[in-house]
C-alpha atoms as a PDB file:
ATOM      1  CA  MET A   1     -68.878 -20.439 -32.229  1.00  0.00           C
ATOM      2  CA  MET A   2     -65.802 -21.523 -33.841  1.00  0.00           C
ATOM      3  CA  ARG A   3     -65.679 -18.334 -35.841  1.00  0.00           C
ATOM      4  CA  GLN A   4     -66.213 -16.565 -33.058  1.00  0.00           C
ATOM      5  CA  THR A   5     -63.527 -18.412 -31.232  1.00  0.00           C
ATOM      6  CA  ILE A   6     -61.204 -17.692 -33.937  1.00  0.00           C
ATOM      7  CA  ALA A   7     -62.154 -14.250 -34.500  1.00  0.00           C
ATOM      8  CA  VAL A   8     -61.509 -13.264 -30.586  1.00  0.00           C
ATOM      9  CA  ARG A   9     -58.477 -15.077 -30.952  1.00  0.00           C
ATOM     10  CA  GLN A  10     -57.548 -12.952 -33.585  1.00  0.00           C
ATOM     11  CA  ALA A  11     -58.636  -9.666 -32.191  1.00  0.00           C
ATOM     12  CA  THR A  12     -56.796 -10.524 -28.882  1.00  0.00           C
ATOM     13  CA  SER A  13     -53.292 -11.414 -31.028  1.00  0.00           C
ATOM     14  CA  ARG A  14     -53.924  -7.920 -32.705  1.00  0.00           C
ATOM     15  CA  GLU A  15     -54.573  -6.211 -29.347  1.00  0.00           C
ATOM     16  CA  LEU A  16     -51.023  -8.279 -28.366  1.00  0.00           C
ATOM     17  CA  GLU A  17     -49.278  -7.317 -31.207  1.00  0.00           C
ATOM     18  CA  GLY A  18     -50.118  -3.569 -30.888  1.00  0.00           C
ATOM     19  CA  GLU A  19     -49.130  -3.611 -27.050  1.00  0.00           C
ATOM     20  CA  ILE A  20     -45.949  -5.310 -27.896  1.00  0.00           C
ATOM     21  CA  ALA A  21     -45.277  -3.017 -30.626  1.00  0.00           C
ATOM     22  CA  ALA A  22     -46.119  -0.068 -28.024  1.00  0.00           C
ATOM     23  CA  LEU A  23     -43.964  -1.638 -25.439  1.00  0.00           C
ATOM     24  CA  ARG A  24     -41.163  -1.976 -27.904  1.00  0.00           C
ATOM     25  CA  ALA A  25     -40.990   1.730 -28.974  1.00  0.00           C
ATOM     26  CA  GLU A  26     -41.520   2.617 -25.184  1.00  0.00           C
ATOM     27  CA  ASN A  27     -38.200   0.637 -24.384  1.00  0.00           C
ATOM     28  CA  ALA A  28     -36.373   2.041 -27.486  1.00  0.00           C
ATOM     29  CA  LEU A  29     -37.718   5.501 -26.107  1.00  0.00           C
ATOM     30  CA  LEU A  30     -36.252   4.664 -22.688  1.00  0.00           C
ATOM     31  CA  LEU A  31     -33.133   2.955 -23.871  1.00  0.00           C
ATOM     32  CA  ARG A  32     -31.963   6.393 -25.979  1.00  0.00           C
ATOM     33  CA  GLY A  33     -32.851   8.484 -22.817  1.00  0.00           C
ATOM     34  CA  LEU A  34     -30.730   6.045 -20.339  1.00  0.00           C
ATOM     35  CA  ALA A  35     -27.894   6.206 -23.254  1.00  0.00           C
ATOM     36  CA  ARG A  36     -27.867  10.017 -23.348  1.00  0.00           C
ATOM     37  CA  ALA A  37     -27.936  10.227 -19.494  1.00  0.00           C
ATOM     38  CA  GLN A  38     -24.805   7.622 -19.512  1.00  0.00           C
ATOM     39  CA  ALA A  39     -22.824   9.787 -21.962  1.00  0.00           C
ATOM     40  CA  SER A  40     -23.721  12.810 -19.999  1.00  0.00           C
ATOM     41  CA  ALA A  41     -22.384  11.185 -16.587  1.00  0.00           C
ATOM     42  CA  SER A  42     -19.247   9.894 -18.573  1.00  0.00           C
ATOM     43  CA  GLU A  43     -18.610  13.293 -19.854  1.00  0.00           C
ATOM     44  CA  GLY A  44     -18.850  14.734 -16.212  1.00  0.00           C
ATOM     45  CA  VAL A  45     -16.819  12.122 -14.810  1.00  0.00           C
ATOM     46  CA  ALA A  46     -14.108  12.735 -17.353  1.00  0.00           C
ATOM     47  CA  GLU A  47     -14.197  16.703 -16.768  1.00  0.00           C
ATOM     48  CA  LEU A  48     -13.903  16.075 -12.835  1.00  0.00           C
ATOM     49  CA  HIS A  49     -10.983  13.447 -13.403  1.00  0.00           C
ATOM     50  CA  GLY A  50      -9.126  15.982 -15.235  1.00  0.00           C
ATOM     51  CA  GLU A  51      -9.869  18.853 -12.537  1.00  0.00           C
ATOM     52  CA  VAL A  52      -8.382  16.473  -9.899  1.00  0.00           C
ATOM     53  CA  GLN A  53      -5.458  16.145 -12.198  1.00  0.00           C
ATOM     54  CA  ARG A  54      -5.168  19.737 -12.817  1.00  0.00           C
ATOM     55  CA  LEU A  55      -5.595  20.357  -8.862  1.00  0.00           C
ATOM     56  CA  GLN A  56      -2.689  17.586  -7.868  1.00  0.00           C
ATOM     57  CA  ARG A  57      -0.488  19.277 -10.298  1.00  0.00           C
ATOM     58  CA  GLU A  58      -0.899  22.747  -8.790  1.00  0.00           C
ATOM     59  CA  LEU A  59      -0.533  21.036  -5.311  1.00  0.00           C
ATOM     60  CA  MET A  60       2.858  19.691  -6.023  1.00  0.00           C
ATOM     61  CA  ARG A  61       3.945  23.262  -7.500  1.00  0.00           C
ATOM     62  CA  LEU A  62       2.702  24.910  -4.264  1.00  0.00           C
ATOM     63  CA  ARG A  63       4.289  22.304  -2.164  1.00  0.00           C
ATOM     64  CA  ALA A  64       7.875  22.678  -4.038  1.00  0.00           C
ATOM     65  CA  ALA A  65       7.151  26.481  -3.840  1.00  0.00           C
ATOM     66  CA  LEU A  66       6.857  26.101   0.120  1.00  0.00           C
ATOM     67  CA  ILE A  67       9.768  23.799   0.702  1.00  0.00           C
ATOM     68  CA  ILE A  68      11.655  26.579  -1.395  1.00  0.00           C
ATOM     69  CA  LYS A  69      10.763  29.033   0.866  1.00  0.00           C
ATOM     70  CA  GLN A  70      11.054  27.479   4.340  1.00  0.00           C
ATOM     71  CA  SER A  71      14.732  26.338   3.125  1.00  0.00           C
ATOM     72  CA  GLN A  72      15.516  30.032   2.367  1.00  0.00           C
ATOM     73  CA  GLN A  73      14.241  31.341   5.406  1.00  0.00           C
ATOM     74  CA  ALA A  74      16.192  28.480   7.405  1.00  0.00           C
ATOM     75  CA  LEU A  75      19.460  29.109   5.231  1.00  0.00           C
ATOM     76  CA  LEU A  76      18.780  33.054   6.088  1.00  0.00           C
ATOM     77  CA  GLN A  77      18.406  32.436   9.583  1.00  0.00           C
ATOM     78  CA  MET A  78      21.743  30.137   9.879  1.00  0.00           C
ATOM     79  CA  ARG A  79      25.078  31.623  11.014  1.00  0.00           C
ATOM     80  CA  PRO A  80      27.639  31.638   8.547  1.00  0.00           C
ATOM     81  CA  VAL A  81      30.122  28.538   9.808  1.00  0.00           C
ATOM     82  CA  ASP A  82      33.869  29.718  10.458  1.00  0.00           C
ATOM     83  CA  LEU A  83      35.552  26.514   9.067  1.00  0.00           C
ATOM     84  CA  GLY A  84      38.959  27.878  10.325  1.00  0.00           C
ATOM     85  CA  ALA A  85      37.636  28.376  13.963  1.00  0.00           C
ATOM     86  CA  VAL A  86      36.180  24.671  13.498  1.00  0.00           C
ATOM     87  CA  ALA A  87      39.364  23.082  12.455  1.00  0.00           C
ATOM     88  CA  GLN A  88      41.440  25.153  15.413  1.00  0.00           C
ATOM     89  CA  ALA A  89      38.988  23.823  17.850  1.00  0.00           C
ATOM     90  CA  ALA A  90      39.341  20.220  16.355  1.00  0.00           C
ATOM     91  CA  ALA A  91      43.322  20.481  16.542  1.00  0.00           C
ATOM     92  CA  ARG A  92      43.211  21.915  20.231  1.00  0.00           C
ATOM     93  CA  ALA A  93      40.965  19.116  21.356  1.00  0.00           C
ATOM     94  CA  LEU A  94      43.349  16.776  19.813  1.00  0.00           C
ATOM     95  CA  ILE A  95      46.471  18.399  21.392  1.00  0.00           C
ATOM     96  CA  CYS A  96      44.794  18.285  24.638  1.00  0.00           C
ATOM     97  CA  GLN A  97      43.776  14.595  24.299  1.00  0.00           C
ATOM     98  CA  THR A  98      47.599  13.500  23.311  1.00  0.00           C
ATOM     99  CA  GLY A  99      49.253  16.206  25.727  1.00  0.00           C
ATOM    100  CA  CYS A 100      46.923  16.494  28.718  1.00  0.00           C
ATOM    101  CA  LEU A 101      45.382  12.943  28.919  1.00  0.00           C
ATOM    102  CA  ALA A 102      48.150  10.474  27.375  1.00  0.00           C
ATOM    103  CA  HIS A 103      51.739  10.620  27.273  1.00  0.00           C
ATOM    104  CA  ASP A 104      52.361  10.964  31.128  1.00  0.00           C
ATOM    105  CA  ALA A 105      50.248  14.209  31.183  1.00  0.00           C
ATOM    106  CA  HIS A 106      53.139  16.540  29.967  1.00  0.00           C
ATOM    107  CA  TRP A 107      51.155  19.529  29.214  1.00  0.00           C
ATOM    108  CA  LEU A 108      49.479  19.459  32.530  1.00  0.00           C
ATOM    109  CA  ALA A 109      50.686  21.883  35.255  1.00  0.00           C
ATOM    110  CA  GLN A 110      48.656  21.485  38.528  1.00  0.00           C
ATOM    111  CA  GLY A 111      45.344  20.789  36.615  1.00  0.00           C
ATOM    112  CA  ARG A 112      45.843  23.743  34.252  1.00  0.00           C
ATOM    113  CA  CYS A 113      46.865  23.101  30.441  1.00  0.00           C
ATOM    114  CA  ARG A 114      50.057  24.735  29.630  1.00  0.00           C
ATOM    115  CA  LEU A 115      48.968  25.387  25.879  1.00  0.00           C
ATOM    116  CA  HIS A 116      46.389  27.703  27.215  1.00  0.00           C
ATOM    117  CA  GLY A 117      46.772  28.698  30.653  1.00  0.00           C
ATOM    118  CA  GLN A 118      43.157  27.254  31.835  1.00  0.00           C
ATOM    119  CA  ALA A 119      41.824  24.235  33.736  1.00  0.00           C
ATOM    120  CA  CYS A 120      41.917  21.167  31.403  1.00  0.00           C
ATOM    121  CA  GLU A 121      38.364  20.873  29.439  1.00  0.00           C
ATOM    122  CA  LEU A 122      38.805  17.099  29.192  1.00  0.00           C
ATOM    123  CA  LEU A 123      39.523  16.346  32.694  1.00  0.00           C
ATOM    124  CA  PRO A 124      36.697  15.748  35.399  1.00  0.00           C
ATOM    125  CA  GLN A 125      36.247  19.099  36.947  1.00  0.00           C
ATOM    126  CA  PRO A 126      35.539  19.281  40.850  1.00  0.00           C
ATOM    127  CA  ALA A 127      31.840  19.686  41.659  1.00  0.00           C
ATOM    128  CA  ALA A 128      32.327  22.087  44.890  1.00  0.00           C
ATOM    129  CA  GLU A 129      35.576  21.684  46.368  1.00  0.00           C
ATOM    130  CA  PRO A 130      38.860  21.748  44.868  1.00  0.00           C
ATOM    131  CA  ALA A 131      40.335  18.189  44.803  1.00  0.00           C
ATOM    132  CA  GLU A 132      43.734  17.489  45.642  1.00  0.00           C
ATOM    133  CA  GLU A 133      46.428  17.374  42.933  1.00  0.00           C
ATOM    134  CA  GLY A 134      46.499  13.396  42.741  1.00  0.00           C
ATOM    135  CA  SER A 135      43.007  12.791  42.223  1.00  0.00           C
ATOM    136  CA  LEU A 136      42.969  14.929  38.910  1.00  0.00           C
ATOM    137  CA  ARG A 137      43.819  12.230  36.566  1.00  0.00           C
END
């Protein structure tokens, strides 16, 4: 009986060793397949990353081109500024400020500026009715 028990144990041990070897082989096969899948996924991610970077560069170039185009259109729509006219208007405003509002209003004659013969632009203008001469200041 002892021999039978030993024989059964040896047979069981060989069967277990065979099953373990088969499981090891299957495990190795699965790990190789997993490694291939992981390598393929890593390559795909790297390709996508490169594509995203390329698209970001293209987007930056397109945005710059749009800014340039919009700036050119805005410049074409602007009218040229006559710096001489701007300087003259500033000088006239300064003269009116000092001559009509300050220094006892020596440029004013009955509410009109002696410089250009028009109503003073800096004085408050009457709304509907002409105001008296004393209330113009």
